[in-house]
Amino acid sequence: METDVKKTEVLEAIRNRRSTRTFLDNPVPEEIIKEIVEAGRYAPSASNTQATHFYVITNKEKLAELKKLVSAVIASMQEKEGMSPTFLKLIARAKEGEIDVTYGAPVLIVTTHRKASQNAVADCSCALQNMMLAASVCKVACVWINQFFTLRDEPPIKEFFASLGVTDEDVICGALSLGYSENIASGPLPRTGFPVKYID
């Protein structure tokens, strides 16, 4: 019976996890941030290398600096064939004024890995998913941020993260914005995609 209850709790956490793009300025308690990061540290990694590195940014000045840098880099970009419609809209918005790809969240967790590893993105993705589930259970809103991976080779972005300790041997793979939100969604969205084919 206890096993069934735990299984139900895990599956409910997975189904109820939702992405949030509006955050309050309220700080997230340090102990909750640590719980969420610890969940990421318990993610699987290729050959158990445990090489994912977590950069937890709560400093308001650093977050504001990063927002300005990313906004300026995106505003300077030209549209290219193959860019996603979402990114093209982001460029257009940046050209019109400053944007915030972190959605104003008070916490940003950036994951990096060894650049030479073929499993860098996979390992970081596992860690990010664990943290998203932990955030959901802790009633903390979150959303995956792609832009730091997309812009990882842009000099201003590289310089910023180098100042935090990211070396040339590292690659940024993904990030999470975390915080509290008045608009946190609850309950699963219907799944109309993600086709499944069973081969007997």
N, C-alpha and C. Protein backbone atom coordinates (compact mmCIF):
# COMPACT_ATOMS: atom_id res chain seq x y z
N MET A 1 0.83 -1.21 0.00
CA MET A 1 0.00 0.00 0.00
C MET A 1 0.86 1.26 0.00
N GLU A 2 1.91 1.29 0.86
CA GLU A 2 2.79 2.45 0.91
C GLU A 2 3.48 2.68 -0.42
N THR A 3 3.86 1.58 -1.10
CA THR A 3 4.49 1.69 -2.41
C THR A 3 3.54 2.32 -3.41
N ASP A 4 2.26 1.93 -3.36
CA ASP A 4 1.27 2.48 -4.27
C ASP A 4 1.08 3.98 -4.04
N VAL A 5 1.10 4.40 -2.78
CA VAL A 5 0.93 5.82 -2.44
C VAL A 5 2.11 6.62 -2.99
N LYS A 6 3.32 6.11 -2.79
CA LYS A 6 4.51 6.81 -3.27
C LYS A 6 4.51 6.88 -4.79
N LYS A 7 4.11 5.79 -5.44
CA LYS A 7 4.04 5.79 -6.90
C LYS A 7 3.05 6.83 -7.39
N THR A 8 1.90 6.91 -6.74
CA THR A 8 0.88 7.88 -7.11
C THR A 8 1.40 9.31 -6.94
N GLU A 9 2.14 9.56 -5.84
CA GLU A 9 2.68 10.90 -5.60
C GLU A 9 3.68 11.30 -6.67
N VAL A 10 4.53 10.35 -7.06
CA VAL A 10 5.53 10.64 -8.10
C VAL A 10 4.84 10.94 -9.43
N LEU A 11 3.88 10.09 -9.81
CA LEU A 11 3.19 10.27 -11.08
C LEU A 11 2.38 11.57 -11.08
N GLU A 12 1.78 11.93 -9.95
CA GLU A 12 1.04 13.17 -9.86
C GLU A 12 1.96 14.38 -10.00
N ALA A 13 3.15 14.29 -9.41
CA ALA A 13 4.12 15.38 -9.54
C ALA A 13 4.51 15.57 -11.00
N ILE A 14 4.68 14.48 -11.72
CA ILE A 14 5.04 14.54 -13.14
C ILE A 14 3.90 15.15 -13.95
N ARG A 15 2.69 14.69 -13.70
CA ARG A 15 1.53 15.16 -14.48
C ARG A 15 1.19 16.62 -14.19
N ASN A 16 1.40 17.04 -12.96
CA ASN A 16 0.98 18.38 -12.55
C ASN A 16 2.03 19.46 -12.75
N ARG A 17 3.25 19.08 -13.13
CA ARG A 17 4.29 20.08 -13.35
C ARG A 17 3.91 20.96 -14.52
N ARG A 18 4.01 22.28 -14.33
CA ARG A 18 3.66 23.23 -15.39
C ARG A 18 4.73 24.32 -15.45
N SER A 19 4.91 24.90 -16.62
CA SER A 19 5.85 26.00 -16.79
C SER A 19 5.16 27.33 -16.49
N THR A 20 5.87 28.23 -15.84
CA THR A 20 5.34 29.53 -15.46
C THR A 20 6.24 30.64 -16.00
N ARG A 21 5.66 31.69 -16.54
CA ARG A 21 6.46 32.77 -17.12
C ARG A 21 6.16 34.14 -16.50
N THR A 22 5.53 34.14 -15.35
CA THR A 22 5.34 35.38 -14.60
C THR A 22 5.72 35.11 -13.14
N PHE A 23 6.65 35.90 -12.62
CA PHE A 23 7.16 35.66 -11.28
C PHE A 23 7.01 36.90 -10.40
N LEU A 24 6.78 36.65 -9.12
CA LEU A 24 6.79 37.70 -8.13
C LEU A 24 8.25 37.98 -7.73
N ASP A 25 8.47 39.10 -7.09
CA ASP A 25 9.82 39.46 -6.65
C ASP A 25 10.19 38.79 -5.33
N ASN A 26 9.26 38.03 -4.76
CA ASN A 26 9.49 37.39 -3.46
C ASN A 26 10.65 36.41 -3.53
N PRO A 27 11.58 36.47 -2.57
CA PRO A 27 12.70 35.53 -2.58
C PRO A 27 12.26 34.11 -2.25
N VAL A 28 12.99 33.15 -2.77
CA VAL A 28 12.76 31.74 -2.44
C VAL A 28 13.71 31.40 -1.29
N PRO A 29 13.21 30.84 -0.19
CA PRO A 29 14.08 30.51 0.94
C PRO A 29 15.26 29.64 0.51
N GLU A 30 16.41 29.91 1.12
CA GLU A 30 17.64 29.20 0.75
C GLU A 30 17.51 27.70 0.90
N GLU A 31 16.80 27.26 1.95
CA GLU A 31 16.68 25.82 2.17
C GLU A 31 15.88 25.14 1.06
N ILE A 32 14.90 25.87 0.49
CA ILE A 32 14.12 25.30 -0.61
C ILE A 32 14.95 25.26 -1.88
N ILE A 33 15.72 26.32 -2.13
CA ILE A 33 16.61 26.32 -3.30
C ILE A 33 17.56 25.13 -3.21
N LYS A 34 18.11 24.90 -2.02
CA LYS A 34 19.06 23.79 -1.85
C LYS A 34 18.39 22.44 -2.08
N GLU A 35 17.14 22.30 -1.64
CA GLU A 35 16.40 21.05 -1.88
C GLU A 35 16.23 20.81 -3.38
N ILE A 36 15.89 21.87 -4.10
CA ILE A 36 15.68 21.76 -5.54
C ILE A 36 16.98 21.41 -6.25
N VAL A 37 18.07 22.09 -5.88
CA VAL A 37 19.37 21.79 -6.50
C VAL A 37 19.82 20.38 -6.16
N GLU A 38 19.55 19.95 -4.94
CA GLU A 38 19.95 18.60 -4.54
C GLU A 38 19.22 17.55 -5.39
N ALA A 39 17.97 17.84 -5.74
CA ALA A 39 17.25 16.93 -6.63
C ALA A 39 17.96 16.83 -7.97
N GLY A 40 18.48 17.96 -8.46
CA GLY A 40 19.25 17.93 -9.70
C GLY A 40 20.52 17.12 -9.58
N ARG A 41 21.16 17.19 -8.41
CA ARG A 41 22.40 16.46 -8.19
C ARG A 41 22.18 14.95 -8.13
N TYR A 42 20.94 14.53 -7.90
CA TYR A 42 20.63 13.11 -7.85
C TYR A 42 20.13 12.57 -9.19
N ALA A 43 20.24 13.38 -10.23
CA ALA A 43 19.85 12.92 -11.57
C ALA A 43 20.88 11.91 -12.09
N PRO A 44 20.46 11.05 -13.01
CA PRO A 44 21.44 10.14 -13.63
C PRO A 44 22.42 10.89 -14.50
N SER A 45 23.59 10.31 -14.69
CA SER A 45 24.59 10.88 -15.59
C SER A 45 25.32 9.75 -16.29
N ALA A 46 25.78 10.01 -17.50
CA ALA A 46 26.44 8.98 -18.30
C ALA A 46 27.66 8.44 -17.55
N SER A 47 27.72 7.13 -17.42
CA SER A 47 28.82 6.45 -16.72
C SER A 47 29.01 6.98 -15.30
N ASN A 48 27.95 7.57 -14.74
CA ASN A 48 27.98 8.13 -13.39
C ASN A 48 29.12 9.14 -13.21
N THR A 49 29.37 9.94 -14.25
CA THR A 49 30.45 10.92 -14.17
C THR A 49 30.13 12.08 -13.24
N GLN A 50 28.82 12.37 -13.04
CA GLN A 50 28.38 13.46 -12.15
C GLN A 50 29.10 14.77 -12.49
N ALA A 51 29.17 15.07 -13.79
CA ALA A 51 29.95 16.23 -14.26
C ALA A 51 29.11 17.49 -14.47
N THR A 52 27.81 17.42 -14.26
CA THR A 52 26.98 18.62 -14.39
C THR A 52 27.32 19.60 -13.28
N HIS A 53 27.50 20.86 -13.65
CA HIS A 53 27.85 21.92 -12.69
C HIS A 53 26.66 22.86 -12.59
N PHE A 54 26.29 23.23 -11.39
CA PHE A 54 25.13 24.07 -11.15
C PHE A 54 25.58 25.47 -10.68
N TYR A 55 25.12 26.50 -11.38
CA TYR A 55 25.39 27.88 -10.98
C TYR A 55 24.06 28.49 -10.54
N VAL A 56 23.93 28.77 -9.26
CA VAL A 56 22.68 29.27 -8.69
C VAL A 56 22.83 30.78 -8.45
N ILE A 57 22.13 31.57 -9.26
CA ILE A 57 22.26 33.03 -9.21
C ILE A 57 21.03 33.63 -8.55
N THR A 58 21.25 34.27 -7.40
CA THR A 58 20.17 34.98 -6.71
C THR A 58 20.51 36.46 -6.52
N ASN A 59 21.72 36.84 -6.87
CA ASN A 59 22.17 38.22 -6.74
C ASN A 59 21.42 39.11 -7.76
N LYS A 60 20.68 40.09 -7.26
CA LYS A 60 19.84 40.91 -8.14
C LYS A 60 20.65 41.69 -9.17
N GLU A 61 21.82 42.18 -8.74
CA GLU A 61 22.67 42.94 -9.66
C GLU A 61 23.17 42.05 -10.80
N LYS A 62 23.56 40.83 -10.46
CA LYS A 62 24.04 39.90 -11.48
C LYS A 62 22.91 39.53 -12.45
N LEU A 63 21.73 39.29 -11.91
CA LEU A 63 20.59 38.94 -12.76
C LEU A 63 20.23 40.12 -13.69
N ALA A 64 20.29 41.34 -13.15
CA ALA A 64 20.00 42.53 -13.97
C ALA A 64 21.06 42.70 -15.05
N GLU A 65 22.31 42.47 -14.71
CA GLU A 65 23.39 42.57 -15.69
C GLU A 65 23.21 41.55 -16.81
N LEU A 66 22.87 40.32 -16.42
CA LEU A 66 22.68 39.27 -17.42
C LEU A 66 21.50 39.59 -18.33
N LYS A 67 20.43 40.13 -17.74
CA LYS A 67 19.25 40.51 -18.53
C LYS A 67 19.64 41.53 -19.60
N LYS A 68 20.41 42.55 -19.23
CA LYS A 68 20.81 43.58 -20.18
C LYS A 68 21.71 43.00 -21.28
N LEU A 69 22.64 42.14 -20.89
CA LEU A 69 23.55 41.54 -21.87
C LEU A 69 22.80 40.70 -22.89
N VAL A 70 21.92 39.83 -22.39
CA VAL A 70 21.17 38.94 -23.29
C VAL A 70 20.27 39.76 -24.20
N SER A 71 19.61 40.76 -23.65
CA SER A 71 18.72 41.61 -24.44
C SER A 71 19.49 42.30 -25.57
N ALA A 72 20.68 42.82 -25.24
CA ALA A 72 21.49 43.53 -26.25
C ALA A 72 21.99 42.57 -27.32
N VAL A 73 22.42 41.38 -26.92
CA VAL A 73 22.91 40.40 -27.89
C VAL A 73 21.80 39.99 -28.84
N ILE A 74 20.62 39.72 -28.31
CA ILE A 74 19.51 39.29 -29.16
C ILE A 74 19.08 40.42 -30.09
N ALA A 75 19.06 41.64 -29.58
CA ALA A 75 18.67 42.80 -30.40
C ALA A 75 19.63 43.02 -31.56
N SER A 76 20.89 42.62 -31.39
CA SER A 76 21.90 42.81 -32.44
C SER A 76 21.88 41.71 -33.50
N MET A 77 21.09 40.68 -33.27
CA MET A 77 21.09 39.53 -34.19
C MET A 77 20.25 39.82 -35.43
N GLN A 78 20.65 39.20 -36.53
CA GLN A 78 19.89 39.29 -37.77
C GLN A 78 19.10 38.01 -37.98
N GLU A 79 17.95 38.15 -38.58
CA GLU A 79 17.15 36.97 -38.88
C GLU A 79 17.89 36.07 -39.88
N LYS A 80 17.87 34.77 -39.60
CA LYS A 80 18.52 33.80 -40.48
C LYS A 80 17.57 32.65 -40.78
N GLU A 81 17.78 32.07 -41.94
CA GLU A 81 16.97 30.92 -42.32
C GLU A 81 17.19 29.79 -41.33
N GLY A 82 16.12 29.16 -40.93
CA GLY A 82 16.21 28.04 -39.99
C GLY A 82 15.94 28.44 -38.55
N MET A 83 15.90 29.75 -38.26
CA MET A 83 15.56 30.18 -36.91
C MET A 83 14.10 29.85 -36.62
N SER A 84 13.84 29.45 -35.38
CA SER A 84 12.46 29.12 -35.01
C SER A 84 11.61 30.39 -34.99
N PRO A 85 10.31 30.25 -35.25
CA PRO A 85 9.42 31.41 -35.19
C PRO A 85 9.46 32.10 -33.81
N THR A 86 9.60 31.30 -32.76
CA THR A 86 9.66 31.86 -31.40
C THR A 86 10.88 32.75 -31.24
N PHE A 87 12.04 32.29 -31.76
CA PHE A 87 13.26 33.09 -31.61
C PHE A 87 13.19 34.35 -32.49
N LEU A 88 12.58 34.23 -33.65
CA LEU A 88 12.41 35.41 -34.51
C LEU A 88 11.56 36.48 -33.81
N LYS A 89 10.53 36.05 -33.11
CA LYS A 89 9.70 36.99 -32.34
C LYS A 89 10.51 37.62 -31.22
N LEU A 90 11.39 36.83 -30.61
CA LEU A 90 12.23 37.33 -29.53
C LEU A 90 13.17 38.42 -30.04
N ILE A 91 13.74 38.19 -31.22
CA ILE A 91 14.62 39.20 -31.83
C ILE A 91 13.84 40.49 -32.09
N ALA A 92 12.64 40.36 -32.63
CA ALA A 92 11.82 41.54 -32.92
C ALA A 92 11.49 42.30 -31.65
N ARG A 93 11.16 41.60 -30.58
CA ARG A 93 10.85 42.25 -29.30
C ARG A 93 12.08 42.94 -28.73
N ALA A 94 13.24 42.29 -28.85
CA ALA A 94 14.47 42.88 -28.32
C ALA A 94 14.84 44.15 -29.07
N LYS A 95 14.58 44.18 -30.37
CA LYS A 95 14.88 45.38 -31.16
C LYS A 95 13.96 46.55 -30.76
N GLU A 96 12.79 46.21 -30.24
CA GLU A 96 11.83 47.24 -29.82
C GLU A 96 12.11 47.76 -28.41
N GLY A 97 12.83 46.99 -27.63
CA GLY A 97 13.12 47.39 -26.25
C GLY A 97 13.69 46.24 -25.46
N GLU A 98 14.12 46.51 -24.24
CA GLU A 98 14.77 45.49 -23.41
C GLU A 98 13.82 44.35 -23.09
N ILE A 99 14.34 43.14 -23.18
CA ILE A 99 13.55 41.94 -22.84
C ILE A 99 14.22 41.23 -21.66
N ASP A 100 13.47 40.36 -21.03
CA ASP A 100 14.01 39.59 -19.91
C ASP A 100 13.70 38.12 -20.14
N VAL A 101 14.69 37.37 -20.59
CA VAL A 101 14.46 35.96 -20.90
C VAL A 101 14.30 35.12 -19.64
N THR A 102 14.57 35.70 -18.45
CA THR A 102 14.37 34.95 -17.21
C THR A 102 13.00 35.24 -16.60
N TYR A 103 12.23 36.11 -17.24
CA TYR A 103 10.87 36.45 -16.81
C TYR A 103 10.83 37.09 -15.42
N GLY A 104 11.93 37.72 -15.01
CA GLY A 104 11.94 38.42 -13.73
C GLY A 104 12.01 37.51 -12.52
N ALA A 105 12.36 36.25 -12.70
CA ALA A 105 12.45 35.32 -11.57
C ALA A 105 13.61 35.72 -10.65
N PRO A 106 13.46 35.52 -9.34
CA PRO A 106 14.53 35.88 -8.40
C PRO A 106 15.66 34.85 -8.32
N VAL A 107 15.46 33.69 -8.94
CA VAL A 107 16.48 32.65 -8.93
C VAL A 107 16.69 32.13 -10.34
N LEU A 108 17.94 32.01 -10.73
CA LEU A 108 18.29 31.41 -12.02
C LEU A 108 19.32 30.31 -11.76
N ILE A 109 19.02 29.11 -12.20
CA ILE A 109 19.96 28.00 -12.07
C ILE A 109 20.44 27.62 -13.46
N VAL A 110 21.73 27.79 -13.70
CA VAL A 110 22.33 27.48 -15.00
C VAL A 110 23.16 26.21 -14.86
N THR A 111 22.98 25.29 -15.80
CA THR A 111 23.76 24.05 -15.77
C THR A 111 24.81 24.06 -16.87
N THR A 112 26.00 23.61 -16.52
CA THR A 112 27.07 23.45 -17.51
C THR A 112 27.61 22.03 -17.41
N HIS A 113 28.40 21.67 -18.41
CA HIS A 113 28.98 20.33 -18.46
C HIS A 113 30.29 20.44 -19.23
N ARG A 114 31.02 19.36 -19.27
CA ARG A 114 32.26 19.34 -20.03
C ARG A 114 31.95 19.42 -21.52
N LYS A 115 32.56 20.38 -22.17
CA LYS A 115 32.31 20.60 -23.59
C LYS A 115 32.63 19.36 -24.42
N ALA A 116 33.64 18.61 -24.01
CA ALA A 116 34.09 17.44 -24.78
C ALA A 116 33.16 16.25 -24.64
N SER A 117 32.23 16.30 -23.69
CA SER A 117 31.35 15.15 -23.45
C SER A 117 30.22 15.09 -24.49
N GLN A 118 30.02 13.90 -25.04
CA GLN A 118 28.89 13.70 -25.97
C GLN A 118 27.56 13.69 -25.23
N ASN A 119 27.62 13.56 -23.91
CA ASN A 119 26.40 13.43 -23.11
C ASN A 119 26.08 14.70 -22.32
N ALA A 120 26.72 15.80 -22.68
CA ALA A 120 26.56 17.03 -21.90
C ALA A 120 25.10 17.46 -21.80
N VAL A 121 24.42 17.59 -22.93
CA VAL A 121 23.04 18.06 -22.92
C VAL A 121 22.12 17.05 -22.24
N ALA A 122 22.36 15.76 -22.49
CA ALA A 122 21.52 14.73 -21.88
C ALA A 122 21.64 14.75 -20.36
N ASP A 123 22.88 14.82 -19.86
CA ASP A 123 23.08 14.83 -18.41
C ASP A 123 22.44 16.05 -17.77
N CYS A 124 22.64 17.22 -18.37
CA CYS A 124 22.06 18.45 -17.82
C CYS A 124 20.54 18.42 -17.90
N SER A 125 20.01 17.85 -18.97
CA SER A 125 18.55 17.77 -19.12
C SER A 125 17.93 16.92 -18.02
N CYS A 126 18.60 15.81 -17.68
CA CYS A 126 18.10 14.97 -16.58
C CYS A 126 18.08 15.76 -15.28
N ALA A 127 19.15 16.52 -15.03
CA ALA A 127 19.23 17.32 -13.80
C ALA A 127 18.15 18.40 -13.78
N LEU A 128 17.94 19.06 -14.92
CA LEU A 128 16.93 20.12 -14.99
C LEU A 128 15.53 19.56 -14.78
N GLN A 129 15.25 18.39 -15.34
CA GLN A 129 13.93 17.78 -15.14
C GLN A 129 13.71 17.43 -13.67
N ASN A 130 14.74 16.86 -13.02
CA ASN A 130 14.62 16.57 -11.59
C ASN A 130 14.30 17.84 -10.81
N MET A 131 14.98 18.93 -11.14
CA MET A 131 14.77 20.18 -10.42
C MET A 131 13.38 20.75 -10.69
N MET A 132 12.87 20.60 -11.90
CA MET A 132 11.52 21.08 -12.20
C MET A 132 10.48 20.32 -11.39
N LEU A 133 10.68 19.00 -11.26
CA LEU A 133 9.74 18.20 -10.47
C LEU A 133 9.83 18.57 -9.00
N ALA A 134 11.06 18.76 -8.50
CA ALA A 134 11.24 19.14 -7.11
C ALA A 134 10.61 20.51 -6.85
N ALA A 135 10.78 21.45 -7.78
CA ALA A 135 10.19 22.77 -7.63
C ALA A 135 8.66 22.67 -7.55
N SER A 136 8.10 21.84 -8.41
CA SER A 136 6.65 21.66 -8.42
C SER A 136 6.15 21.14 -7.07
N VAL A 137 6.84 20.15 -6.53
CA VAL A 137 6.46 19.59 -5.23
C VAL A 137 6.61 20.63 -4.13
N CYS A 138 7.62 21.50 -4.25
CA CYS A 138 7.87 22.55 -3.25
C CYS A 138 6.99 23.79 -3.46
N LYS A 139 6.08 23.72 -4.43
CA LYS A 139 5.17 24.84 -4.74
C LYS A 139 5.94 26.08 -5.22
N VAL A 140 7.03 25.83 -5.93
CA VAL A 140 7.83 26.91 -6.52
C VAL A 140 7.64 26.87 -8.03
N ALA A 141 7.32 27.99 -8.62
CA ALA A 141 7.11 28.06 -10.06
C ALA A 141 8.45 28.01 -10.79
N CYS A 142 8.45 27.46 -11.99
CA CYS A 142 9.70 27.41 -12.75
C CYS A 142 9.42 27.32 -14.24
N VAL A 143 10.45 27.61 -15.02
CA VAL A 143 10.38 27.45 -16.46
C VAL A 143 11.80 27.22 -16.99
N TRP A 144 11.91 26.35 -17.97
CA TRP A 144 13.19 26.06 -18.63
C TRP A 144 13.56 27.24 -19.51
N ILE A 145 14.82 27.64 -19.45
CA ILE A 145 15.32 28.75 -20.27
C ILE A 145 16.34 28.22 -21.28
N ASN A 146 16.07 28.43 -22.56
CA ASN A 146 16.95 27.94 -23.64
C ASN A 146 18.01 28.94 -24.08
N GLN A 147 17.77 30.22 -23.84
CA GLN A 147 18.58 31.25 -24.51
C GLN A 147 20.07 31.19 -24.16
N PHE A 148 20.41 30.76 -22.96
CA PHE A 148 21.82 30.73 -22.59
C PHE A 148 22.56 29.63 -23.35
N PHE A 149 21.86 28.56 -23.69
CA PHE A 149 22.44 27.52 -24.55
C PHE A 149 22.59 28.06 -25.97
N THR A 150 21.56 28.72 -26.46
CA THR A 150 21.58 29.27 -27.82
C THR A 150 22.68 30.32 -27.99
N LEU A 151 22.88 31.14 -26.95
CA LEU A 151 23.82 32.27 -27.04
C LEU A 151 25.16 31.97 -26.37
N ARG A 152 25.43 30.71 -26.07
CA ARG A 152 26.60 30.34 -25.26
C ARG A 152 27.94 30.80 -25.84
N ASP A 153 28.01 30.95 -27.17
CA ASP A 153 29.28 31.34 -27.80
C ASP A 153 29.39 32.84 -28.07
N GLU A 154 28.36 33.60 -27.72
CA GLU A 154 28.41 35.05 -27.91
C GLU A 154 29.37 35.65 -26.88
N PRO A 155 30.36 36.46 -27.31
CA PRO A 155 31.39 36.97 -26.39
C PRO A 155 30.85 37.60 -25.10
N PRO A 156 29.82 38.49 -25.14
CA PRO A 156 29.36 39.08 -23.86
C PRO A 156 28.81 38.03 -22.90
N ILE A 157 28.15 37.02 -23.45
CA ILE A 157 27.58 35.96 -22.61
C ILE A 157 28.69 35.10 -22.04
N LYS A 158 29.67 34.75 -22.89
CA LYS A 158 30.81 33.96 -22.42
C LYS A 158 31.56 34.69 -21.32
N GLU A 159 31.76 36.00 -21.50
CA GLU A 159 32.50 36.79 -20.51
C GLU A 159 31.76 36.85 -19.18
N PHE A 160 30.45 37.00 -19.26
CA PHE A 160 29.66 37.05 -18.03
C PHE A 160 29.81 35.75 -17.25
N PHE A 161 29.59 34.63 -17.94
CA PHE A 161 29.65 33.35 -17.23
C PHE A 161 31.08 32.98 -16.84
N ALA A 162 32.06 33.45 -17.59
CA ALA A 162 33.45 33.25 -17.19
C ALA A 162 33.72 33.93 -15.85
N SER A 163 33.07 35.08 -15.64
CA SER A 163 33.26 35.80 -14.37
C SER A 163 32.67 35.01 -13.20
N LEU A 164 31.77 34.07 -13.50
CA LEU A 164 31.18 33.23 -12.45
C LEU A 164 31.95 31.93 -12.27
N GLY A 165 32.91 31.67 -13.18
CA GLY A 165 33.72 30.45 -13.04
C GLY A 165 33.57 29.45 -14.16
N VAL A 166 32.72 29.75 -15.15
CA VAL A 166 32.57 28.83 -16.28
C VAL A 166 33.80 28.96 -17.18
N THR A 167 34.48 27.83 -17.43
CA THR A 167 35.72 27.86 -18.19
C THR A 167 35.48 27.55 -19.66
N ASP A 168 36.53 27.66 -20.45
CA ASP A 168 36.45 27.33 -21.88
C ASP A 168 36.24 25.84 -22.11
N GLU A 169 36.45 25.04 -21.07
CA GLU A 169 36.24 23.59 -21.19
C GLU A 169 34.79 23.22 -20.91
N ASP A 170 33.99 24.21 -20.50
CA ASP A 170 32.59 23.98 -20.14
C ASP A 170 31.65 24.46 -21.24
N VAL A 171 30.46 23.90 -21.25
CA VAL A 171 29.41 24.37 -22.15
C VAL A 171 28.12 24.54 -21.36
N ILE A 172 27.45 25.67 -21.59
CA ILE A 172 26.14 25.89 -20.96
C ILE A 172 25.12 25.04 -21.69
N CYS A 173 24.35 24.26 -20.94
CA CYS A 173 23.39 23.34 -21.58
C CYS A 173 21.93 23.71 -21.35
N GLY A 174 21.64 24.41 -20.29
CA GLY A 174 20.25 24.76 -20.03
C GLY A 174 20.14 25.47 -18.70
N ALA A 175 18.97 26.06 -18.44
CA ALA A 175 18.79 26.81 -17.20
C ALA A 175 17.33 26.78 -16.78
N LEU A 176 17.11 27.11 -15.51
CA LEU A 176 15.76 27.22 -14.97
C LEU A 176 15.60 28.56 -14.28
N SER A 177 14.48 29.20 -14.51
CA SER A 177 14.05 30.33 -13.69
C SER A 177 13.15 29.78 -12.60
N LEU A 178 13.38 30.24 -11.37
CA LEU A 178 12.59 29.77 -10.23
C LEU A 178 12.05 30.95 -9.44
N GLY A 179 10.87 30.78 -8.87
CA GLY A 179 10.32 31.81 -8.02
C GLY A 179 8.88 31.50 -7.67
N TYR A 180 8.24 32.45 -7.03
CA TYR A 180 6.83 32.31 -6.70
C TYR A 180 6.01 33.10 -7.71
N SER A 181 4.78 32.65 -7.92
CA SER A 181 3.93 33.29 -8.91
C SER A 181 2.48 33.27 -8.47
N GLU A 182 1.78 34.35 -8.75
CA GLU A 182 0.34 34.37 -8.48
C GLU A 182 -0.42 33.57 -9.52
N ASN A 183 0.24 33.35 -10.66
CA ASN A 183 -0.44 32.69 -11.78
C ASN A 183 0.02 31.25 -11.99
N ILE A 184 0.52 30.60 -10.93
CA ILE A 184 1.00 29.24 -11.10
C ILE A 184 -0.17 28.33 -11.47
N ALA A 185 0.01 27.62 -12.54
CA ALA A 185 -1.06 26.74 -13.05
C ALA A 185 -1.07 25.44 -12.26
N SER A 186 -2.21 24.79 -12.22
CA SER A 186 -2.30 23.51 -11.54
C SER A 186 -3.05 22.53 -12.43
N GLY A 187 -2.72 21.27 -12.28
CA GLY A 187 -3.38 20.25 -13.06
C GLY A 187 -2.73 20.07 -14.41
N PRO A 188 -2.78 18.86 -14.93
CA PRO A 188 -2.11 18.58 -16.21
C PRO A 188 -2.86 19.14 -17.41
N LEU A 189 -2.10 19.54 -18.42
CA LEU A 189 -2.70 19.89 -19.71
C LEU A 189 -2.97 18.61 -20.48
N PRO A 190 -4.01 18.58 -21.32
CA PRO A 190 -4.25 17.38 -22.13
C PRO A 190 -3.09 17.13 -23.08
N ARG A 191 -2.77 15.90 -23.30
CA ARG A 191 -1.68 15.53 -24.20
C ARG A 191 -2.26 15.11 -25.55
N THR A 192 -2.10 15.99 -26.55
CA THR A 192 -2.61 15.69 -27.88
C THR A 192 -1.49 15.29 -28.83
N GLY A 193 -0.26 15.46 -28.36
CA GLY A 193 0.92 15.06 -29.16
C GLY A 193 1.61 13.88 -28.51
N PHE A 194 2.93 13.85 -28.64
CA PHE A 194 3.73 12.78 -28.06
C PHE A 194 3.21 11.39 -28.45
N PRO A 195 3.17 11.08 -29.75
CA PRO A 195 2.65 9.77 -30.16
C PRO A 195 3.48 8.62 -29.58
N VAL A 196 2.81 7.53 -29.29
CA VAL A 196 3.44 6.33 -28.72
C VAL A 196 3.10 5.15 -29.62
N LYS A 197 4.09 4.34 -29.93
CA LYS A 197 3.86 3.12 -30.71
C LYS A 197 4.47 1.95 -29.96
N TYR A 198 3.64 0.98 -29.62
CA TYR A 198 4.12 -0.21 -28.92
C TYR A 198 4.42 -1.30 -29.94
N ILE A 199 5.59 -1.86 -29.86
CA ILE A 199 5.99 -2.94 -30.77
C ILE A 199 5.98 -4.25 -29.99
N ASP A 200 5.00 -5.12 -30.27
CA ASP A 200 4.91 -6.40 -29.56
C ASP A 200 5.79 -7.46 -30.19
